[in-house]
Amino acid sequence: MLIIAILITAEVISRKAFSYHIIAADELAGYALAITTSWSISFTLLERGHIRVDALYMILPNKLKAILDIIGLFALSVFPLSLTWYAYHMLTNSWELGKVSNTAMAMPLWIPQGIWFIGLIFFALTTVVLLLRVLVLFAAGDVEQVNRLAGTRSVSSELHDEIDEITVNKQQSYSGR
């Protein structure tokens, strides 16, 4: 993404200053955005970083929180499974028909679509595996672990993680001296 940001900056500057257009900068940026998004949403899920409305959630009993987490995770898993299904058909269609982008670059579309599709598969697998893990934990009565894996992070939890990260970074910088 940093390379794409630099490319887009160079594109804007060259267009304004020299009336020169860098070929395919916007096309590559679009591919990069789709690909990095499909690969990063699994990490965001595991870090419990997706946006939730949790005003009421934080005051509920842990068992009810765990039930809501399971329902939310199930609902979330429908999205990547559906998207992956349609992305597969788009990818195979692009491959079979030899589709290319309608730009000067004429990129074979199966290349960015394939990388994007693999990220979606990973997200779908992540949601399903996490859902199964949470269901097993809930069946075993371990609602605390369900909340730790699939629940909304509390403000104090996020604060402790930030403090831990700062501490680790300081220790690494001191040991490197």
Protein backbone atom coordinates (compact mmCIF):
# COMPACT_ATOMS: atom_id res chain seq x y z
CA MET A 1 0.00 0.00 0.00
CA LEU A 2 2.92 2.33 0.67
CA ILE A 3 4.22 1.75 -2.87
CA ILE A 4 0.75 2.46 -4.27
CA ALA A 5 0.51 5.65 -2.18
CA ILE A 6 3.88 6.78 -3.57
CA LEU A 7 2.77 5.89 -7.11
CA ILE A 8 -0.50 7.84 -6.74
CA THR A 9 1.40 10.83 -5.28
CA ALA A 10 3.82 10.74 -8.22
CA GLU A 11 0.82 10.48 -10.57
CA VAL A 12 -0.85 13.57 -9.10
CA ILE A 13 2.37 15.60 -9.11
CA SER A 14 3.33 14.59 -12.65
CA ARG A 15 -0.16 15.30 -13.94
CA LYS A 16 -0.33 18.76 -12.32
CA ALA A 17 3.27 19.83 -12.89
CA PHE A 18 4.10 18.23 -16.25
CA SER A 19 0.70 17.22 -17.71
CA TYR A 20 2.07 13.67 -17.78
CA HIS A 21 -0.14 10.71 -16.84
CA ILE A 22 1.47 7.62 -15.29
CA ILE A 23 -0.16 4.69 -17.02
CA ALA A 24 -2.17 2.30 -14.82
CA ALA A 25 -1.54 4.01 -11.47
CA ASP A 26 -5.25 4.04 -10.64
CA GLU A 27 -5.71 0.50 -11.96
CA LEU A 28 -2.90 -0.85 -9.80
CA ALA A 29 -4.23 1.08 -6.80
CA GLY A 30 -7.64 -0.53 -7.24
CA TYR A 31 -6.12 -4.00 -7.40
CA ALA A 32 -3.94 -3.29 -4.36
CA LEU A 33 -6.90 -2.04 -2.34
CA ALA A 34 -9.05 -5.09 -3.13
CA ILE A 35 -6.22 -7.55 -2.50
CA THR A 36 -4.97 -6.01 0.75
CA THR A 37 -8.52 -5.74 2.05
CA SER A 38 -9.27 -9.41 1.38
CA TRP A 39 -6.06 -10.45 3.11
CA SER A 40 -6.37 -8.11 6.10
CA ILE A 41 -9.94 -8.81 7.20
CA SER A 42 -8.97 -12.20 8.66
CA PHE A 43 -6.34 -10.52 10.83
CA THR A 44 -8.88 -7.90 11.87
CA LEU A 45 -11.34 -10.64 12.83
CA LEU A 46 -8.78 -12.47 14.95
CA GLU A 47 -7.76 -9.20 16.62
CA ARG A 48 -11.46 -8.48 17.25
CA GLY A 49 -11.09 -5.21 15.42
CA HIS A 50 -14.28 -5.16 13.35
CA ILE A 51 -16.64 -2.37 14.28
CA ARG A 52 -19.53 -3.29 16.55
CA VAL A 53 -22.18 -1.36 18.40
CA ASP A 54 -21.50 -2.52 21.93
CA ALA A 55 -23.19 -0.01 24.26
CA LEU A 56 -25.56 -2.61 25.68
CA TYR A 57 -23.25 -5.58 25.13
CA MET A 58 -20.74 -4.52 27.79
CA ILE A 59 -23.29 -4.69 30.61
CA LEU A 60 -24.75 -8.09 29.70
CA PRO A 61 -23.89 -11.31 31.56
CA ASN A 62 -21.05 -13.34 30.05
CA LYS A 63 -23.28 -16.21 28.92
CA LEU A 64 -25.56 -13.86 26.98
CA LYS A 65 -22.50 -12.12 25.54
CA ALA A 66 -21.20 -15.51 24.36
CA ILE A 67 -24.54 -16.32 22.71
CA LEU A 68 -24.54 -12.95 20.94
CA ASP A 69 -20.91 -13.50 19.88
CA ILE A 70 -21.86 -16.86 18.35
CA ILE A 71 -24.83 -15.34 16.53
CA GLY A 72 -22.66 -12.46 15.29
CA LEU A 73 -19.90 -14.78 14.16
CA PHE A 74 -22.40 -17.00 12.36
CA ALA A 75 -23.92 -13.98 10.61
CA LEU A 76 -20.45 -12.73 9.73
CA SER A 77 -19.44 -16.12 8.27
CA VAL A 78 -22.29 -15.92 5.74
CA PHE A 79 -20.67 -12.87 4.12
CA PRO A 80 -17.25 -14.32 3.18
CA LEU A 81 -18.77 -17.66 2.20
CA SER A 82 -21.21 -15.93 -0.17
CA LEU A 83 -18.60 -13.51 -1.48
CA THR A 84 -16.10 -16.32 -2.06
CA TRP A 85 -18.69 -18.29 -3.99
CA TYR A 86 -19.38 -15.40 -6.36
CA ALA A 87 -15.70 -14.46 -6.59
CA TYR A 88 -14.92 -18.03 -7.68
CA HIS A 89 -17.41 -17.77 -10.54
CA MET A 90 -16.02 -14.38 -11.57
CA LEU A 91 -12.47 -15.72 -11.48
CA THR A 92 -13.25 -18.83 -13.53
CA ASN A 93 -15.21 -16.71 -16.01
CA SER A 94 -12.26 -14.34 -16.43
CA TRP A 95 -9.88 -17.29 -16.85
CA GLU A 96 -12.03 -19.18 -19.37
CA LEU A 97 -12.81 -16.12 -21.48
CA GLY A 98 -9.31 -14.64 -21.24
CA LYS A 99 -10.66 -11.33 -19.97
CA VAL A 100 -8.25 -8.41 -19.63
CA SER A 101 -8.70 -4.96 -18.14
CA ASN A 102 -9.93 -2.31 -20.53
CA THR A 103 -6.92 -0.08 -19.94
CA ALA A 104 -3.59 0.41 -21.69
CA MET A 105 -2.12 -2.15 -19.32
CA ALA A 106 -4.52 -4.89 -20.51
CA MET A 107 -3.93 -6.87 -17.31
CA PRO A 108 -5.29 -10.43 -17.45
CA LEU A 109 -8.04 -10.11 -14.85
CA TRP A 110 -7.54 -13.59 -13.42
CA ILE A 111 -4.26 -12.43 -11.83
CA PRO A 112 -5.61 -9.77 -9.42
CA GLN A 113 -8.89 -11.66 -9.06
CA GLY A 114 -7.01 -14.83 -8.15
CA ILE A 115 -4.97 -13.12 -5.43
CA TRP A 116 -8.13 -11.44 -4.15
CA PHE A 117 -9.98 -14.77 -4.21
CA ILE A 118 -7.29 -16.52 -2.16
CA GLY A 119 -7.62 -13.79 0.49
CA LEU A 120 -11.39 -14.31 0.53
CA ILE A 121 -10.91 -18.08 0.94
CA PHE A 122 -8.65 -17.41 3.90
CA PHE A 123 -11.25 -15.08 5.43
CA ALA A 124 -14.03 -17.64 4.91
CA LEU A 125 -11.91 -20.38 6.49
CA THR A 126 -10.98 -18.11 9.38
CA THR A 127 -14.61 -17.29 10.15
CA VAL A 128 -15.72 -20.93 9.94
CA VAL A 129 -12.84 -22.25 12.07
CA LEU A 130 -13.35 -19.50 14.66
CA LEU A 131 -17.09 -20.20 14.73
CA LEU A 132 -16.49 -23.94 15.23
CA ARG A 133 -13.93 -23.26 17.97
CA VAL A 134 -16.31 -20.91 19.76
CA LEU A 135 -19.18 -23.42 19.49
CA VAL A 136 -17.01 -26.15 21.03
CA LEU A 137 -15.98 -23.83 23.86
CA PHE A 138 -19.57 -22.78 24.49
CA ALA A 139 -20.73 -26.41 24.55
CA ALA A 140 -17.99 -27.10 27.11
CA GLY A 141 -19.28 -24.20 29.22
CA ASP A 142 -16.22 -21.99 28.78
CA VAL A 143 -18.01 -18.70 28.09
CA GLU A 144 -15.01 -16.69 29.30
CA GLN A 145 -12.86 -18.12 26.49
CA VAL A 146 -15.71 -17.54 23.99
CA ASN A 147 -15.72 -13.89 25.05
CA ARG A 148 -11.92 -13.70 24.73
CA LEU A 149 -11.94 -15.18 21.22
CA ALA A 150 -15.06 -13.66 19.69
CA GLY A 151 -16.27 -10.91 22.00
CA THR A 152 -15.88 -7.19 21.83
CA ARG A 153 -12.69 -5.93 23.40
CA SER A 154 -13.23 -3.70 26.39
CA VAL A 155 -11.58 -0.32 26.62
CA SER A 156 -9.35 -1.58 29.45
CA SER A 157 -8.32 -4.60 27.36
CA GLU A 158 -7.35 -2.36 24.45
CA LEU A 159 -5.48 -0.04 26.82
CA HIS A 160 -3.52 -2.95 28.34
CA ASP A 161 -2.61 -4.18 24.84
CA GLU A 162 -1.35 -0.72 23.89
CA ILE A 163 0.71 -0.45 27.07
CA ASP A 164 2.16 -3.93 26.49
CA GLU A 165 3.09 -2.99 22.92
CA ILE A 166 4.79 0.21 24.04
CA THR A 167 6.70 -1.72 26.71
CA VAL A 168 7.87 -4.34 24.20
CA ASN A 169 8.95 -1.65 21.75
CA LYS A 170 10.93 0.16 24.44
CA GLN A 171 12.62 -3.08 25.52
CA GLN A 172 13.53 -3.89 21.91
CA SER A 173 14.95 -0.41 21.34
CA TYR A 174 17.03 -0.62 24.54
CA SER A 175 18.36 -4.08 23.69
CA GLY A 176 19.34 -2.88 20.21
CA ARG A 177 21.61 -0.15 21.57
